[in-house]
Amino acid sequence: MKVTRRELLMVAGAGAGAIALGSLGINSFITESYAKKLKIKGAREVVSICPFCSVSCHFIAHVKGGKVVSTEGDSGYPVSEGALCAKGSTMLSMINSDHRVLTPLYRAPFSDKWEEKSWSWMIKKLARRIKDTRDQNFKTTNADGHVVNRVDEMFHMGSSQMSNEEASIVVQAMRAMGIVHIDHQARI
């Protein structure tokens, strides 16, 4: 590679300028780090779990004034060691999104409008629909006359956010209701 005298002097001058500025205390890395600390200064750290997949990586949410101001991976979590995937790194925008639904919404049959309902109303409505569906479709025997005691019209999808113990209890509850079609989000 051939370097001209002019190119050599330009590179040497730029290097000398960078060294001079560095000795004066101008360092972009320190400035960026300081700016980040300002955003979370005085914020409370809350460890939470990413809801997107079955790995359940921990992330740290910095809460200031009741609002999440920053999220980052938890370096103390042994599986991801603080790294977050593309979905997990969007946690801050998901939490603070204007489109996030915070209360249950209900649309009555044949209606074109969504209505806000209370959590207790929604839980009672869901429980009633589950019970009615189970009662209407419960089969005690199959076509061959064998005792089956099941509901084929209902399905349960488990959550990757449950521990093994929680998942076991939920599956037992589903089977007690006669639901035999059971899957788990972590498997998909």
N, C-alpha and C. Protein backbone atom coordinates (compact mmCIF):
# COMPACT_ATOMS: atom_id res chain seq x y z
N MET A 1 0.84 -1.17 0.00
CA MET A 1 0.00 0.00 0.00
C MET A 1 0.89 1.24 0.00
N LYS A 2 0.61 2.16 -0.92
CA LYS A 2 1.42 3.37 -1.04
C LYS A 2 0.71 4.52 -0.33
N VAL A 3 1.43 5.18 0.60
CA VAL A 3 0.89 6.31 1.35
C VAL A 3 1.67 7.55 0.95
N THR A 4 0.95 8.59 0.57
CA THR A 4 1.62 9.84 0.19
C THR A 4 2.01 10.62 1.44
N ARG A 5 2.88 11.57 1.24
CA ARG A 5 3.34 12.41 2.36
C ARG A 5 2.16 13.19 2.93
N ARG A 6 1.30 13.66 2.07
CA ARG A 6 0.14 14.44 2.51
C ARG A 6 -0.80 13.59 3.38
N GLU A 7 -1.10 12.32 2.97
CA GLU A 7 -1.96 11.43 3.74
C GLU A 7 -1.35 11.11 5.10
N LEU A 8 -0.03 10.93 5.12
CA LEU A 8 0.66 10.65 6.37
C LEU A 8 0.53 11.82 7.34
N LEU A 9 0.71 13.04 6.84
CA LEU A 9 0.59 14.22 7.70
C LEU A 9 -0.85 14.40 8.20
N MET A 10 -1.85 14.09 7.38
CA MET A 10 -3.26 14.21 7.80
C MET A 10 -3.58 13.22 8.92
N VAL A 11 -3.14 11.97 8.77
CA VAL A 11 -3.40 10.97 9.80
C VAL A 11 -2.66 11.32 11.09
N ALA A 12 -1.42 11.77 10.96
CA ALA A 12 -0.63 12.14 12.14
C ALA A 12 -1.27 13.33 12.85
N GLY A 13 -1.76 14.30 12.10
CA GLY A 13 -2.41 15.48 12.68
C GLY A 13 -3.70 15.10 13.40
N ALA A 14 -4.49 14.24 12.79
CA ALA A 14 -5.74 13.81 13.42
C ALA A 14 -5.44 13.02 14.70
N GLY A 15 -4.43 12.17 14.67
CA GLY A 15 -4.04 11.41 15.86
C GLY A 15 -3.57 12.32 16.97
N ALA A 16 -2.75 13.33 16.61
CA ALA A 16 -2.25 14.27 17.61
C ALA A 16 -3.40 15.07 18.22
N GLY A 17 -4.38 15.45 17.39
CA GLY A 17 -5.55 16.19 17.88
C GLY A 17 -6.38 15.34 18.84
N ALA A 18 -6.56 14.06 18.52
CA ALA A 18 -7.33 13.16 19.38
C ALA A 18 -6.63 12.97 20.72
N ILE A 19 -5.31 12.83 20.68
CA ILE A 19 -4.56 12.68 21.93
C ILE A 19 -4.66 13.95 22.78
N ALA A 20 -4.58 15.11 22.13
CA ALA A 20 -4.67 16.38 22.85
C ALA A 20 -6.05 16.53 23.50
N LEU A 21 -7.12 16.22 22.77
CA LEU A 21 -8.47 16.33 23.33
C LEU A 21 -8.68 15.32 24.46
N GLY A 22 -8.12 14.13 24.29
CA GLY A 22 -8.23 13.12 25.34
C GLY A 22 -7.55 13.55 26.62
N SER A 23 -6.43 14.25 26.50
CA SER A 23 -5.72 14.70 27.70
C SER A 23 -6.44 15.85 28.39
N LEU A 24 -7.31 16.55 27.66
CA LEU A 24 -8.10 17.62 28.26
C LEU A 24 -9.32 17.08 29.00
N GLY A 25 -9.56 15.77 28.91
CA GLY A 25 -10.69 15.17 29.62
C GLY A 25 -11.92 14.99 28.77
N ILE A 26 -11.83 15.21 27.49
CA ILE A 26 -12.98 15.00 26.61
C ILE A 26 -12.98 13.55 26.18
N ASN A 27 -13.99 12.83 26.62
CA ASN A 27 -14.09 11.41 26.31
C ASN A 27 -15.55 11.10 26.05
N SER A 28 -15.87 10.67 24.84
CA SER A 28 -17.27 10.43 24.49
C SER A 28 -17.86 9.26 25.27
N PHE A 29 -17.04 8.28 25.65
CA PHE A 29 -17.55 7.15 26.40
C PHE A 29 -18.04 7.58 27.78
N ILE A 30 -17.30 8.44 28.44
CA ILE A 30 -17.69 8.94 29.76
C ILE A 30 -18.96 9.77 29.64
N THR A 31 -19.05 10.59 28.60
CA THR A 31 -20.23 11.43 28.40
C THR A 31 -21.47 10.58 28.20
N GLU A 32 -21.39 9.53 27.37
CA GLU A 32 -22.52 8.65 27.14
C GLU A 32 -22.92 7.94 28.43
N SER A 33 -21.95 7.46 29.18
CA SER A 33 -22.23 6.76 30.42
C SER A 33 -22.90 7.69 31.43
N TYR A 34 -22.42 8.92 31.54
CA TYR A 34 -22.99 9.90 32.46
C TYR A 34 -24.43 10.22 32.08
N ALA A 35 -24.70 10.37 30.78
CA ALA A 35 -26.06 10.68 30.33
C ALA A 35 -27.01 9.54 30.69
N LYS A 36 -26.56 8.31 30.57
CA LYS A 36 -27.41 7.17 30.90
C LYS A 36 -27.73 7.16 32.40
N LYS A 37 -26.76 7.48 33.22
CA LYS A 37 -26.98 7.49 34.67
C LYS A 37 -28.00 8.56 35.06
N LEU A 38 -28.04 9.66 34.35
CA LEU A 38 -28.99 10.72 34.68
C LEU A 38 -30.43 10.24 34.52
N LYS A 39 -30.68 9.45 33.49
CA LYS A 39 -32.04 8.99 33.24
C LYS A 39 -32.54 8.09 34.37
N ILE A 40 -31.66 7.31 34.95
CA ILE A 40 -32.10 6.36 35.98
C ILE A 40 -31.71 6.80 37.39
N LYS A 41 -31.14 7.99 37.54
CA LYS A 41 -30.75 8.46 38.86
C LYS A 41 -31.99 8.59 39.75
N GLY A 42 -31.93 7.97 40.91
CA GLY A 42 -33.03 8.01 41.85
C GLY A 42 -34.13 7.02 41.54
N ALA A 43 -33.96 6.23 40.49
CA ALA A 43 -34.99 5.25 40.12
C ALA A 43 -34.81 3.97 40.95
N ARG A 44 -35.92 3.32 41.20
CA ARG A 44 -35.92 2.05 41.92
C ARG A 44 -35.76 0.93 40.90
N GLU A 45 -34.89 -0.03 41.21
CA GLU A 45 -34.68 -1.17 40.32
C GLU A 45 -35.63 -2.31 40.68
N VAL A 46 -36.35 -2.81 39.68
CA VAL A 46 -37.28 -3.91 39.86
C VAL A 46 -36.90 -5.00 38.88
N VAL A 47 -36.64 -6.20 39.38
CA VAL A 47 -36.32 -7.32 38.50
C VAL A 47 -37.63 -7.97 38.07
N SER A 48 -37.77 -8.18 36.77
CA SER A 48 -38.97 -8.80 36.24
C SER A 48 -38.57 -9.85 35.21
N ILE A 49 -39.57 -10.46 34.59
CA ILE A 49 -39.33 -11.54 33.63
C ILE A 49 -39.89 -11.14 32.27
N CYS A 50 -39.11 -11.34 31.24
CA CYS A 50 -39.55 -11.07 29.87
C CYS A 50 -40.65 -12.06 29.50
N PRO A 51 -41.78 -11.59 28.95
CA PRO A 51 -42.91 -12.48 28.68
C PRO A 51 -42.92 -13.12 27.30
N PHE A 52 -41.89 -12.93 26.50
CA PHE A 52 -41.99 -13.31 25.10
C PHE A 52 -41.73 -14.78 24.78
N CYS A 53 -40.93 -15.48 25.57
CA CYS A 53 -40.68 -16.89 25.23
C CYS A 53 -40.46 -17.70 26.50
N SER A 54 -40.14 -18.95 26.33
CA SER A 54 -40.02 -19.84 27.48
C SER A 54 -38.67 -19.73 28.19
N VAL A 55 -37.73 -18.97 27.66
CA VAL A 55 -36.45 -18.79 28.35
C VAL A 55 -36.65 -17.97 29.62
N SER A 56 -37.60 -17.05 29.59
CA SER A 56 -37.96 -16.22 30.74
C SER A 56 -36.78 -15.43 31.29
N CYS A 57 -36.06 -14.76 30.40
CA CYS A 57 -34.91 -13.95 30.82
C CYS A 57 -35.35 -12.87 31.81
N HIS A 58 -34.49 -12.60 32.77
CA HIS A 58 -34.77 -11.52 33.70
C HIS A 58 -34.35 -10.21 33.05
N PHE A 59 -35.08 -9.16 33.36
CA PHE A 59 -34.66 -7.83 32.98
C PHE A 59 -34.87 -6.90 34.16
N ILE A 60 -34.12 -5.82 34.18
CA ILE A 60 -34.22 -4.85 35.26
C ILE A 60 -34.98 -3.64 34.74
N ALA A 61 -36.08 -3.31 35.41
CA ALA A 61 -36.86 -2.12 35.07
C ALA A 61 -36.51 -1.04 36.08
N HIS A 62 -36.17 0.13 35.60
CA HIS A 62 -35.90 1.28 36.47
C HIS A 62 -37.18 2.10 36.55
N VAL A 63 -37.73 2.20 37.75
CA VAL A 63 -39.02 2.86 37.97
C VAL A 63 -38.79 4.16 38.71
N LYS A 64 -39.30 5.23 38.13
CA LYS A 64 -39.16 6.56 38.73
C LYS A 64 -40.52 7.25 38.66
N GLY A 65 -41.04 7.62 39.81
CA GLY A 65 -42.33 8.29 39.85
C GLY A 65 -43.47 7.43 39.34
N GLY A 66 -43.40 6.13 39.58
CA GLY A 66 -44.45 5.23 39.14
C GLY A 66 -44.42 4.88 37.67
N LYS A 67 -43.37 5.31 36.95
CA LYS A 67 -43.27 5.03 35.53
C LYS A 67 -41.93 4.36 35.23
N VAL A 68 -41.95 3.37 34.34
CA VAL A 68 -40.71 2.70 33.94
C VAL A 68 -39.97 3.63 32.99
N VAL A 69 -38.74 4.01 33.37
CA VAL A 69 -37.96 4.94 32.55
C VAL A 69 -36.85 4.24 31.77
N SER A 70 -36.51 3.02 32.16
CA SER A 70 -35.45 2.30 31.47
C SER A 70 -35.56 0.81 31.76
N THR A 71 -35.15 -0.01 30.80
CA THR A 71 -35.07 -1.45 31.01
C THR A 71 -33.73 -1.94 30.46
N GLU A 72 -33.20 -2.96 31.09
CA GLU A 72 -31.94 -3.56 30.62
C GLU A 72 -31.90 -5.00 31.09
N GLY A 73 -31.06 -5.80 30.46
CA GLY A 73 -30.91 -7.19 30.84
C GLY A 73 -30.28 -7.32 32.21
N ASP A 74 -30.61 -8.39 32.91
CA ASP A 74 -30.06 -8.66 34.24
C ASP A 74 -28.82 -9.52 34.10
N SER A 75 -27.66 -8.94 34.37
CA SER A 75 -26.41 -9.68 34.21
C SER A 75 -26.27 -10.81 35.24
N GLY A 76 -27.06 -10.78 36.29
CA GLY A 76 -27.02 -11.83 37.30
C GLY A 76 -27.84 -13.06 36.93
N TYR A 77 -28.61 -12.99 35.83
CA TYR A 77 -29.41 -14.13 35.40
C TYR A 77 -28.52 -15.08 34.61
N PRO A 78 -28.34 -16.33 35.08
CA PRO A 78 -27.33 -17.21 34.49
C PRO A 78 -27.60 -17.67 33.06
N VAL A 79 -28.84 -17.67 32.62
CA VAL A 79 -29.13 -18.17 31.28
C VAL A 79 -28.69 -17.17 30.21
N SER A 80 -29.10 -15.92 30.34
CA SER A 80 -28.79 -14.93 29.31
C SER A 80 -27.64 -14.00 29.69
N GLU A 81 -27.24 -14.01 30.96
CA GLU A 81 -26.14 -13.18 31.46
C GLU A 81 -26.30 -11.71 31.07
N GLY A 82 -27.53 -11.22 31.09
CA GLY A 82 -27.78 -9.80 30.83
C GLY A 82 -28.12 -9.48 29.38
N ALA A 83 -27.98 -10.44 28.48
CA ALA A 83 -28.31 -10.18 27.09
C ALA A 83 -29.82 -10.34 26.89
N LEU A 84 -30.38 -9.53 26.02
CA LEU A 84 -31.79 -9.64 25.67
C LEU A 84 -31.90 -9.79 24.16
N CYS A 85 -32.86 -10.58 23.72
CA CYS A 85 -33.08 -10.76 22.28
C CYS A 85 -33.75 -9.49 21.73
N ALA A 86 -34.04 -9.52 20.44
CA ALA A 86 -34.67 -8.35 19.80
C ALA A 86 -36.01 -8.02 20.43
N LYS A 87 -36.78 -9.03 20.80
CA LYS A 87 -38.09 -8.77 21.41
C LYS A 87 -37.93 -8.26 22.83
N GLY A 88 -37.04 -8.88 23.60
CA GLY A 88 -36.83 -8.46 24.98
C GLY A 88 -36.27 -7.07 25.11
N SER A 89 -35.48 -6.65 24.12
CA SER A 89 -34.90 -5.31 24.19
C SER A 89 -35.92 -4.22 23.89
N THR A 90 -37.11 -4.57 23.42
CA THR A 90 -38.16 -3.58 23.17
C THR A 90 -39.10 -3.44 24.36
N MET A 91 -38.72 -4.02 25.49
CA MET A 91 -39.60 -4.03 26.67
C MET A 91 -40.04 -2.63 27.08
N LEU A 92 -39.15 -1.66 27.07
CA LEU A 92 -39.50 -0.30 27.50
C LEU A 92 -40.62 0.28 26.64
N SER A 93 -40.50 0.13 25.33
CA SER A 93 -41.54 0.68 24.46
C SER A 93 -42.85 -0.09 24.60
N MET A 94 -42.79 -1.38 24.90
CA MET A 94 -44.01 -2.14 25.10
C MET A 94 -44.72 -1.70 26.38
N ILE A 95 -43.95 -1.50 27.45
CA ILE A 95 -44.53 -1.12 28.75
C ILE A 95 -45.17 0.27 28.66
N ASN A 96 -44.51 1.20 27.98
CA ASN A 96 -44.98 2.59 27.94
C ASN A 96 -45.80 2.93 26.70
N SER A 97 -46.21 1.93 25.94
CA SER A 97 -46.95 2.18 24.70
C SER A 97 -48.34 2.77 24.98
N ASP A 98 -48.73 3.73 24.16
CA ASP A 98 -50.08 4.30 24.26
C ASP A 98 -51.14 3.29 23.82
N HIS A 99 -50.73 2.27 23.09
CA HIS A 99 -51.67 1.26 22.58
C HIS A 99 -51.87 0.10 23.55
N ARG A 100 -51.17 0.12 24.67
CA ARG A 100 -51.27 -0.98 25.64
C ARG A 100 -52.62 -0.94 26.35
N VAL A 101 -53.30 -2.07 26.35
CA VAL A 101 -54.61 -2.18 27.00
C VAL A 101 -54.38 -2.49 28.49
N LEU A 102 -54.92 -1.66 29.37
CA LEU A 102 -54.71 -1.81 30.81
C LEU A 102 -55.95 -2.30 31.55
N THR A 103 -57.10 -2.24 30.92
CA THR A 103 -58.33 -2.73 31.54
C THR A 103 -59.01 -3.70 30.58
N PRO A 104 -59.79 -4.63 31.11
CA PRO A 104 -60.47 -5.58 30.23
C PRO A 104 -61.46 -4.87 29.30
N LEU A 105 -61.47 -5.31 28.06
CA LEU A 105 -62.43 -4.80 27.08
C LEU A 105 -63.36 -5.93 26.67
N TYR A 106 -64.64 -5.62 26.53
CA TYR A 106 -65.64 -6.62 26.17
C TYR A 106 -66.46 -6.10 25.00
N ARG A 107 -66.63 -6.97 24.01
CA ARG A 107 -67.52 -6.63 22.90
C ARG A 107 -68.66 -7.64 22.91
N ALA A 108 -69.85 -7.16 23.13
CA ALA A 108 -71.03 -8.03 23.19
C ALA A 108 -71.28 -8.64 21.82
N PRO A 109 -71.93 -9.80 21.78
CA PRO A 109 -72.23 -10.42 20.49
C PRO A 109 -73.00 -9.46 19.58
N PHE A 110 -72.61 -9.39 18.32
CA PHE A 110 -73.20 -8.56 17.27
C PHE A 110 -72.99 -7.06 17.49
N SER A 111 -72.19 -6.67 18.46
CA SER A 111 -71.91 -5.26 18.70
C SER A 111 -70.66 -4.85 17.92
N ASP A 112 -70.54 -3.57 17.63
CA ASP A 112 -69.33 -3.08 16.97
C ASP A 112 -68.51 -2.19 17.90
N LYS A 113 -68.87 -2.17 19.19
CA LYS A 113 -68.17 -1.31 20.15
C LYS A 113 -67.59 -2.14 21.28
N TRP A 114 -66.39 -1.75 21.71
CA TRP A 114 -65.74 -2.37 22.87
C TRP A 114 -66.10 -1.55 24.10
N GLU A 115 -66.41 -2.26 25.21
CA GLU A 115 -66.74 -1.59 26.46
C GLU A 115 -65.70 -1.95 27.52
N GLU A 116 -65.30 -0.96 28.31
CA GLU A 116 -64.40 -1.26 29.43
C GLU A 116 -65.20 -1.90 30.55
N LYS A 117 -64.64 -2.98 31.09
CA LYS A 117 -65.29 -3.70 32.19
C LYS A 117 -64.29 -3.85 33.33
N SER A 118 -64.80 -4.15 34.52
CA SER A 118 -63.91 -4.37 35.67
C SER A 118 -63.32 -5.77 35.59
N TRP A 119 -62.22 -5.97 36.29
CA TRP A 119 -61.59 -7.29 36.31
C TRP A 119 -62.52 -8.33 36.92
N SER A 120 -63.23 -7.97 38.00
CA SER A 120 -64.12 -8.94 38.64
C SER A 120 -65.26 -9.33 37.70
N TRP A 121 -65.80 -8.38 36.94
CA TRP A 121 -66.85 -8.68 35.97
C TRP A 121 -66.32 -9.65 34.91
N MET A 122 -65.12 -9.38 34.41
CA MET A 122 -64.54 -10.19 33.34
C MET A 122 -64.24 -11.61 33.82
N ILE A 123 -63.71 -11.74 35.03
CA ILE A 123 -63.40 -13.07 35.56
C ILE A 123 -64.68 -13.88 35.74
N LYS A 124 -65.74 -13.24 36.25
CA LYS A 124 -67.03 -13.93 36.41
C LYS A 124 -67.59 -14.35 35.05
N LYS A 125 -67.47 -13.47 34.06
CA LYS A 125 -67.96 -13.77 32.71
C LYS A 125 -67.21 -14.95 32.11
N LEU A 126 -65.89 -14.96 32.24
CA LEU A 126 -65.08 -16.07 31.71
C LEU A 126 -65.41 -17.38 32.42
N ALA A 127 -65.52 -17.32 33.74
CA ALA A 127 -65.84 -18.53 34.51
C ALA A 127 -67.19 -19.09 34.09
N ARG A 128 -68.17 -18.22 33.90
CA ARG A 128 -69.50 -18.67 33.48
C ARG A 128 -69.44 -19.32 32.11
N ARG A 129 -68.71 -18.72 31.16
CA ARG A 129 -68.62 -19.28 29.80
C ARG A 129 -67.88 -20.62 29.80
N ILE A 130 -66.84 -20.72 30.59
CA ILE A 130 -66.10 -22.00 30.68
C ILE A 130 -67.01 -23.08 31.24
N LYS A 131 -67.73 -22.76 32.32
CA LYS A 131 -68.63 -23.75 32.94
C LYS A 131 -69.74 -24.15 31.99
N ASP A 132 -70.36 -23.16 31.31
CA ASP A 132 -71.44 -23.47 30.38
C ASP A 132 -70.95 -24.34 29.22
N THR A 133 -69.80 -24.02 28.67
CA THR A 133 -69.23 -24.81 27.57
C THR A 133 -68.95 -26.23 28.03
N ARG A 134 -68.39 -26.36 29.22
CA ARG A 134 -68.08 -27.69 29.76
C ARG A 134 -69.37 -28.50 29.96
N ASP A 135 -70.36 -27.87 30.57
CA ASP A 135 -71.62 -28.57 30.86
C ASP A 135 -72.34 -28.99 29.58
N GLN A 136 -72.32 -28.15 28.55
CA GLN A 136 -73.01 -28.45 27.30
C GLN A 136 -72.32 -29.55 26.49
N ASN A 137 -71.00 -29.68 26.62
CA ASN A 137 -70.24 -30.57 25.75
C ASN A 137 -69.58 -31.75 26.47
N PHE A 138 -69.85 -31.93 27.74
CA PHE A 138 -69.20 -33.01 28.49
C PHE A 138 -69.71 -34.36 28.00
N LYS A 139 -68.77 -35.24 27.68
CA LYS A 139 -69.10 -36.58 27.21
C LYS A 139 -68.68 -37.59 28.26
N THR A 140 -69.61 -38.44 28.66
CA THR A 140 -69.27 -39.48 29.63
C THR A 140 -68.78 -40.75 28.95
N THR A 141 -69.28 -41.00 27.71
CA THR A 141 -68.84 -42.19 26.97
C THR A 141 -68.56 -41.82 25.52
N ASN A 142 -67.74 -42.63 24.86
CA ASN A 142 -67.47 -42.40 23.44
C ASN A 142 -68.43 -43.23 22.60
N ALA A 143 -68.21 -43.25 21.29
CA ALA A 143 -69.11 -43.95 20.37
C ALA A 143 -69.15 -45.46 20.64
N ASP A 144 -68.07 -46.01 21.19
CA ASP A 144 -68.01 -47.45 21.48
C ASP A 144 -68.58 -47.79 22.85
N GLY A 145 -69.04 -46.80 23.59
CA GLY A 145 -69.60 -47.05 24.90
C GLY A 145 -68.59 -47.07 26.04
N HIS A 146 -67.33 -46.75 25.75
CA HIS A 146 -66.30 -46.70 26.80
C HIS A 146 -66.41 -45.39 27.58
N VAL A 147 -66.19 -45.46 28.88
CA VAL A 147 -66.24 -44.26 29.73
C VAL A 147 -65.03 -43.38 29.42
N VAL A 148 -65.28 -42.11 29.05
CA VAL A 148 -64.18 -41.19 28.71
C VAL A 148 -64.17 -39.94 29.61
N ASN A 149 -65.33 -39.45 30.02
CA ASN A 149 -65.42 -38.26 30.88
C ASN A 149 -64.51 -37.14 30.39
N ARG A 150 -64.86 -36.54 29.26
CA ARG A 150 -64.01 -35.50 28.69
C ARG A 150 -64.82 -34.45 27.94
N VAL A 151 -64.12 -33.35 27.63
CA VAL A 151 -64.69 -32.27 26.82
C VAL A 151 -63.76 -32.09 25.64
N ASP A 152 -64.23 -32.41 24.44
CA ASP A 152 -63.40 -32.26 23.24
C ASP A 152 -63.46 -30.86 22.66
N GLU A 153 -64.43 -30.06 23.06
CA GLU A 153 -64.63 -28.73 22.46
C GLU A 153 -63.80 -27.63 23.12
N MET A 154 -63.03 -27.96 24.13
CA MET A 154 -62.20 -26.96 24.81
C MET A 154 -60.73 -27.33 24.70
N PHE A 155 -59.88 -26.30 24.75
CA PHE A 155 -58.44 -26.48 24.61
C PHE A 155 -57.76 -25.57 25.62
N HIS A 156 -56.65 -26.02 26.18
CA HIS A 156 -55.89 -25.17 27.10
C HIS A 156 -54.48 -24.98 26.57
N MET A 157 -54.04 -23.72 26.52
CA MET A 157 -52.67 -23.40 26.11
C MET A 157 -51.94 -22.85 27.33
N GLY A 158 -50.88 -23.51 27.76
CA GLY A 158 -50.12 -23.10 28.93
C GLY A 158 -49.22 -21.91 28.64
N SER A 159 -48.71 -21.31 29.68
CA SER A 159 -47.85 -20.14 29.58
C SER A 159 -46.40 -20.50 29.89
N SER A 160 -45.49 -19.91 29.15
CA SER A 160 -44.07 -20.15 29.40
C SER A 160 -43.61 -19.46 30.67
N GLN A 161 -44.42 -18.61 31.24
CA GLN A 161 -44.02 -17.87 32.43
C GLN A 161 -44.30 -18.63 33.73
N MET A 162 -44.87 -19.83 33.61
CA MET A 162 -45.15 -20.62 34.80
C MET A 162 -43.97 -21.52 35.15
N SER A 163 -43.80 -21.76 36.43
CA SER A 163 -42.81 -22.74 36.86
C SER A 163 -43.37 -24.13 36.59
N ASN A 164 -42.55 -25.15 36.74
CA ASN A 164 -43.02 -26.53 36.55
C ASN A 164 -44.17 -26.86 37.50
N GLU A 165 -44.05 -26.38 38.73
CA GLU A 165 -45.07 -26.66 39.73
C GLU A 165 -46.40 -26.01 39.36
N GLU A 166 -46.34 -24.73 38.95
CA GLU A 166 -47.56 -24.03 38.54
C GLU A 166 -48.19 -24.71 37.32
N ALA A 167 -47.36 -25.08 36.35
CA ALA A 167 -47.88 -25.75 35.15
C ALA A 167 -48.54 -27.08 35.52
N SER A 168 -47.95 -27.80 36.46
CA SER A 168 -48.51 -29.08 36.89
C SER A 168 -49.89 -28.88 37.52
N ILE A 169 -50.03 -27.87 38.36
CA ILE A 169 -51.32 -27.61 39.01
C ILE A 169 -52.38 -27.22 37.97
N VAL A 170 -51.99 -26.38 37.00
CA VAL A 170 -52.95 -25.95 35.97
C VAL A 170 -53.39 -27.14 35.13
N VAL A 171 -52.44 -28.00 34.74
CA VAL A 171 -52.80 -29.18 33.94
C VAL A 171 -53.73 -30.10 34.74
N GLN A 172 -53.47 -30.27 36.02
CA GLN A 172 -54.35 -31.09 36.85
C GLN A 172 -55.76 -30.49 36.92
N ALA A 173 -55.85 -29.18 37.01
CA ALA A 173 -57.15 -28.51 37.04
C ALA A 173 -57.88 -28.69 35.71
N MET A 174 -57.15 -28.58 34.60
CA MET A 174 -57.77 -28.76 33.28
C MET A 174 -58.28 -30.19 33.13
N ARG A 175 -57.49 -31.15 33.56
CA ARG A 175 -57.92 -32.56 33.45
C ARG A 175 -59.10 -32.85 34.38
N ALA A 176 -59.13 -32.19 35.53
CA ALA A 176 -60.26 -32.37 36.45
C ALA A 176 -61.55 -31.85 35.82
N MET A 177 -61.43 -30.84 34.94
CA MET A 177 -62.60 -30.32 34.23
C MET A 177 -62.95 -31.19 33.03
N GLY A 178 -62.10 -32.15 32.68
CA GLY A 178 -62.36 -33.02 31.55
C GLY A 178 -61.70 -32.57 30.26
N ILE A 179 -60.88 -31.53 30.33
CA ILE A 179 -60.20 -31.04 29.12
C ILE A 179 -59.02 -31.95 28.84
N VAL A 180 -58.98 -32.51 27.64
CA VAL A 180 -57.89 -33.42 27.28
C VAL A 180 -56.95 -32.81 26.24
N HIS A 181 -57.36 -31.74 25.60
CA HIS A 181 -56.52 -31.08 24.59
C HIS A 181 -55.73 -29.97 25.30
N ILE A 182 -54.48 -30.29 25.64
CA ILE A 182 -53.64 -29.39 26.43
C ILE A 182 -52.30 -29.27 25.74
N ASP A 183 -51.81 -28.05 25.60
CA ASP A 183 -50.48 -27.82 25.03
C ASP A 183 -49.80 -26.74 25.85
N HIS A 184 -48.59 -26.41 25.48
CA HIS A 184 -47.81 -25.44 26.25
C HIS A 184 -47.06 -24.53 25.30
N GLN A 185 -47.07 -23.24 25.58
CA GLN A 185 -46.44 -22.26 24.71
C GLN A 185 -44.94 -22.48 24.57
N ALA A 186 -44.30 -22.99 25.59
CA ALA A 186 -42.85 -23.18 25.55
C ALA A 186 -42.47 -24.25 24.51
N ARG A 187 -43.38 -25.13 24.18
CA ARG A 187 -43.10 -26.20 23.24
C ARG A 187 -43.23 -25.73 21.79
N ILE A 188 -43.95 -24.65 21.56
CA ILE A 188 -44.25 -24.20 20.20
C ILE A 188 -43.08 -23.43 19.63
